[in-house]
């Protein structure tokens, strides 16, 4: 699963929103929910994004990051154990 979530982050950073979204929909893990939340934030769907943030790790929130790429980088670091 971790490799799949890393792939989802890489796809999102590359602008491949649909590909990333298809990957994260397969998992019900807090990190997958966080990625899912960021994807909906990128899309401009604040309500759906907040829904997924509620299922993400406690440190993740809609307001925590101004830039989606910065947030995706933070997720990548967490997935890499940094």
N, C-alpha and C. Protein backbone atom coordinates (compact mmCIF):
# COMPACT_ATOMS: atom_id res chain seq x y z
N UNK A 1 0.82 -1.19 0.00
CA UNK A 1 0.00 0.00 0.00
C UNK A 1 0.87 1.26 0.00
N UNK A 2 1.93 1.28 0.79
CA UNK A 2 2.78 2.45 0.87
C UNK A 2 3.31 2.86 -0.50
N UNK A 3 3.73 1.89 -1.30
CA UNK A 3 4.22 2.20 -2.65
C UNK A 3 3.11 2.79 -3.51
N UNK A 4 1.91 2.27 -3.37
CA UNK A 4 0.78 2.81 -4.12
C UNK A 4 0.50 4.26 -3.72
N UNK A 5 0.57 4.55 -2.44
CA UNK A 5 0.32 5.91 -1.98
C UNK A 5 1.44 6.85 -2.43
N UNK A 6 2.67 6.36 -2.45
CA UNK A 6 3.77 7.16 -2.99
C UNK A 6 3.51 7.49 -4.46
N UNK A 7 3.04 6.51 -5.21
CA UNK A 7 2.71 6.71 -6.61
C UNK A 7 1.59 7.75 -6.76
N UNK A 8 0.60 7.69 -5.87
CA UNK A 8 -0.49 8.66 -5.90
C UNK A 8 0.02 10.07 -5.66
N UNK A 9 0.95 10.23 -4.72
CA UNK A 9 1.53 11.54 -4.45
C UNK A 9 2.30 12.03 -5.67
N UNK A 10 3.12 11.16 -6.24
CA UNK A 10 3.91 11.54 -7.43
C UNK A 10 2.99 11.95 -8.58
N UNK A 11 1.92 11.21 -8.77
CA UNK A 11 0.97 11.54 -9.84
C UNK A 11 0.33 12.90 -9.58
N UNK A 12 -0.04 13.16 -8.33
CA UNK A 12 -0.67 14.45 -8.00
C UNK A 12 0.30 15.60 -8.25
N UNK A 13 1.55 15.43 -7.83
CA UNK A 13 2.56 16.48 -8.05
C UNK A 13 2.78 16.71 -9.54
N UNK A 14 2.68 15.66 -10.33
CA UNK A 14 2.85 15.77 -11.79
C UNK A 14 1.61 16.32 -12.49
N UNK A 15 0.56 16.58 -11.72
CA UNK A 15 -0.67 17.11 -12.32
C UNK A 15 -1.61 16.05 -12.84
N UNK A 16 -1.34 14.81 -12.51
CA UNK A 16 -2.18 13.69 -12.95
C UNK A 16 -3.23 13.40 -11.87
N UNK A 17 -4.14 14.38 -11.69
CA UNK A 17 -5.14 14.32 -10.64
C UNK A 17 -6.00 13.06 -10.73
N UNK A 18 -6.50 12.75 -11.90
CA UNK A 18 -7.38 11.59 -12.05
C UNK A 18 -6.67 10.29 -11.68
N UNK A 19 -5.44 10.15 -12.12
CA UNK A 19 -4.67 8.93 -11.80
C UNK A 19 -4.47 8.81 -10.29
N UNK A 20 -4.07 9.90 -9.67
CA UNK A 20 -3.88 9.90 -8.23
C UNK A 20 -5.17 9.57 -7.50
N UNK A 21 -6.26 10.15 -7.95
CA UNK A 21 -7.57 9.93 -7.33
C UNK A 21 -7.98 8.46 -7.43
N UNK A 22 -7.76 7.86 -8.58
CA UNK A 22 -8.10 6.43 -8.74
C UNK A 22 -7.32 5.57 -7.76
N UNK A 23 -6.07 5.90 -7.53
CA UNK A 23 -5.24 5.12 -6.60
C UNK A 23 -5.75 5.25 -5.17
N UNK A 24 -5.95 6.49 -4.70
CA UNK A 24 -6.31 6.67 -3.29
C UNK A 24 -7.70 6.14 -2.98
N UNK A 25 -8.57 6.07 -3.96
CA UNK A 25 -9.92 5.55 -3.72
C UNK A 25 -9.90 4.06 -3.33
N UNK A 26 -8.79 3.41 -3.59
CA UNK A 26 -8.68 1.98 -3.28
C UNK A 26 -8.37 1.71 -1.80
N UNK A 27 -8.04 2.76 -1.04
CA UNK A 27 -7.57 2.57 0.34
C UNK A 27 -8.40 3.38 1.33
N UNK A 28 -8.53 2.84 2.53
CA UNK A 28 -9.22 3.52 3.61
C UNK A 28 -8.24 3.75 4.76
N UNK A 29 -7.10 4.28 4.41
CA UNK A 29 -6.01 4.54 5.33
C UNK A 29 -5.96 6.06 5.59
N UNK A 30 -5.55 6.50 6.79
CA UNK A 30 -5.51 7.94 7.05
C UNK A 30 -4.66 8.73 6.05
N UNK A 31 -3.54 8.17 5.62
CA UNK A 31 -2.69 8.89 4.65
C UNK A 31 -3.39 8.96 3.29
N UNK A 32 -4.05 7.89 2.89
CA UNK A 32 -4.81 7.92 1.64
C UNK A 32 -5.91 8.97 1.73
N UNK A 33 -6.55 9.07 2.88
CA UNK A 33 -7.59 10.08 3.07
C UNK A 33 -7.00 11.48 2.98
N UNK A 34 -5.78 11.66 3.50
CA UNK A 34 -5.12 12.97 3.41
C UNK A 34 -4.83 13.33 1.96
N UNK A 35 -4.30 12.39 1.21
CA UNK A 35 -4.05 12.64 -0.22
C UNK A 35 -5.37 12.97 -0.92
N UNK A 36 -6.40 12.21 -0.61
CA UNK A 36 -7.72 12.41 -1.20
C UNK A 36 -8.22 13.83 -0.89
N UNK A 37 -8.00 14.27 0.36
CA UNK A 37 -8.41 15.62 0.76
C UNK A 37 -7.69 16.68 -0.06
N UNK A 38 -6.39 16.51 -0.26
CA UNK A 38 -5.61 17.48 -1.03
C UNK A 38 -6.10 17.51 -2.48
N UNK A 39 -6.39 16.36 -3.04
CA UNK A 39 -6.87 16.31 -4.42
C UNK A 39 -8.17 17.10 -4.59
N UNK A 40 -9.07 16.96 -3.63
CA UNK A 40 -10.33 17.71 -3.73
C UNK A 40 -10.12 19.19 -3.45
N UNK A 41 -9.10 19.53 -2.65
CA UNK A 41 -8.76 20.94 -2.45
C UNK A 41 -8.25 21.52 -3.78
N UNK A 42 -7.39 20.78 -4.48
CA UNK A 42 -6.89 21.21 -5.79
C UNK A 42 -8.06 21.42 -6.75
N UNK A 43 -9.01 20.52 -6.69
CA UNK A 43 -10.17 20.57 -7.57
C UNK A 43 -11.06 21.78 -7.25
N UNK A 44 -10.94 22.31 -6.03
CA UNK A 44 -11.78 23.42 -5.63
C UNK A 44 -13.05 23.01 -4.92
N UNK A 45 -13.14 21.75 -4.52
CA UNK A 45 -14.32 21.21 -3.83
C UNK A 45 -14.05 21.19 -2.32
N UNK A 46 -14.22 22.34 -1.68
CA UNK A 46 -13.88 22.49 -0.25
C UNK A 46 -14.68 21.54 0.64
N UNK A 47 -15.95 21.36 0.36
CA UNK A 47 -16.77 20.49 1.19
C UNK A 47 -16.28 19.06 1.17
N UNK A 48 -16.02 18.54 -0.01
CA UNK A 48 -15.54 17.17 -0.14
C UNK A 48 -14.13 17.05 0.44
N UNK A 49 -13.32 18.07 0.23
CA UNK A 49 -11.98 18.08 0.79
C UNK A 49 -12.02 18.00 2.31
N UNK A 50 -12.85 18.80 2.93
CA UNK A 50 -12.97 18.78 4.40
C UNK A 50 -13.47 17.43 4.90
N UNK A 51 -14.35 16.80 4.14
CA UNK A 51 -14.83 15.45 4.49
C UNK A 51 -13.64 14.50 4.63
N UNK A 52 -12.72 14.54 3.67
CA UNK A 52 -11.56 13.65 3.70
C UNK A 52 -10.54 14.06 4.74
N UNK A 53 -10.41 15.36 4.99
CA UNK A 53 -9.51 15.79 6.06
C UNK A 53 -9.97 15.25 7.41
N UNK A 54 -11.26 15.14 7.60
CA UNK A 54 -11.79 14.61 8.87
C UNK A 54 -11.35 13.16 9.10
N UNK A 55 -10.95 12.47 8.05
CA UNK A 55 -10.52 11.07 8.14
C UNK A 55 -8.99 10.93 8.05
N UNK A 56 -8.32 12.04 7.85
CA UNK A 56 -6.86 12.07 7.71
C UNK A 56 -6.20 12.14 9.09
N UNK A 57 -4.88 12.04 9.13
CA UNK A 57 -4.18 12.17 10.42
C UNK A 57 -4.51 13.51 11.09
N UNK A 58 -4.45 13.52 12.40
CA UNK A 58 -4.83 14.71 13.17
C UNK A 58 -4.07 15.96 12.75
N UNK A 59 -2.83 15.82 12.31
CA UNK A 59 -2.00 16.97 11.93
C UNK A 59 -2.46 17.61 10.61
N UNK A 60 -3.24 16.90 9.84
CA UNK A 60 -3.68 17.40 8.54
C UNK A 60 -4.97 18.20 8.70
N UNK A 61 -5.02 19.35 8.05
CA UNK A 61 -6.25 20.14 8.05
C UNK A 61 -6.32 20.97 6.78
N UNK A 62 -7.50 21.38 6.44
CA UNK A 62 -7.74 22.16 5.22
C UNK A 62 -6.90 23.44 5.21
N UNK A 63 -6.77 24.06 6.38
CA UNK A 63 -6.09 25.35 6.47
C UNK A 63 -4.58 25.23 6.68
N UNK A 64 -4.05 24.05 6.91
CA UNK A 64 -2.65 23.89 7.32
C UNK A 64 -1.64 24.29 6.24
N UNK A 65 -1.98 24.14 4.99
CA UNK A 65 -1.04 24.42 3.90
C UNK A 65 -1.70 25.33 2.87
N UNK A 66 -0.97 26.36 2.50
CA UNK A 66 -1.48 27.28 1.47
C UNK A 66 -1.32 26.71 0.07
N UNK A 67 -0.26 25.92 -0.12
CA UNK A 67 0.04 25.36 -1.44
C UNK A 67 -0.10 23.84 -1.43
N UNK A 68 -0.82 23.31 -2.40
CA UNK A 68 -1.04 21.86 -2.48
C UNK A 68 0.28 21.11 -2.66
N UNK A 69 1.19 21.65 -3.44
CA UNK A 69 2.46 20.96 -3.69
C UNK A 69 3.25 20.85 -2.39
N UNK A 70 3.24 21.88 -1.57
CA UNK A 70 3.93 21.83 -0.28
C UNK A 70 3.32 20.75 0.60
N UNK A 71 2.02 20.65 0.59
CA UNK A 71 1.33 19.62 1.38
C UNK A 71 1.64 18.23 0.85
N UNK A 72 1.64 18.07 -0.45
CA UNK A 72 1.97 16.77 -1.04
C UNK A 72 3.41 16.37 -0.72
N UNK A 73 4.30 17.36 -0.68
CA UNK A 73 5.69 17.08 -0.29
C UNK A 73 5.75 16.60 1.17
N UNK A 74 4.93 17.19 2.04
CA UNK A 74 4.88 16.76 3.44
C UNK A 74 4.36 15.33 3.54
N UNK A 75 3.37 15.00 2.72
CA UNK A 75 2.84 13.63 2.70
C UNK A 75 3.92 12.67 2.20
N UNK A 76 4.63 13.07 1.16
CA UNK A 76 5.70 12.23 0.63
C UNK A 76 6.74 11.95 1.71
N UNK A 77 7.14 12.99 2.46
CA UNK A 77 8.11 12.81 3.53
C UNK A 77 7.59 11.83 4.59
N UNK A 78 6.32 11.95 4.92
CA UNK A 78 5.75 11.03 5.91
C UNK A 78 5.76 9.59 5.38
N UNK A 79 5.43 9.41 4.11
CA UNK A 79 5.45 8.08 3.52
C UNK A 79 6.87 7.50 3.45
N UNK A 80 7.85 8.39 3.33
CA UNK A 80 9.23 7.96 3.28
C UNK A 80 9.85 7.79 4.67
N UNK A 81 9.05 8.06 5.70
CA UNK A 81 9.52 7.88 7.06
C UNK A 81 10.42 8.97 7.57
N UNK A 82 10.37 10.14 6.95
CA UNK A 82 11.23 11.25 7.38
C UNK A 82 10.52 12.11 8.40
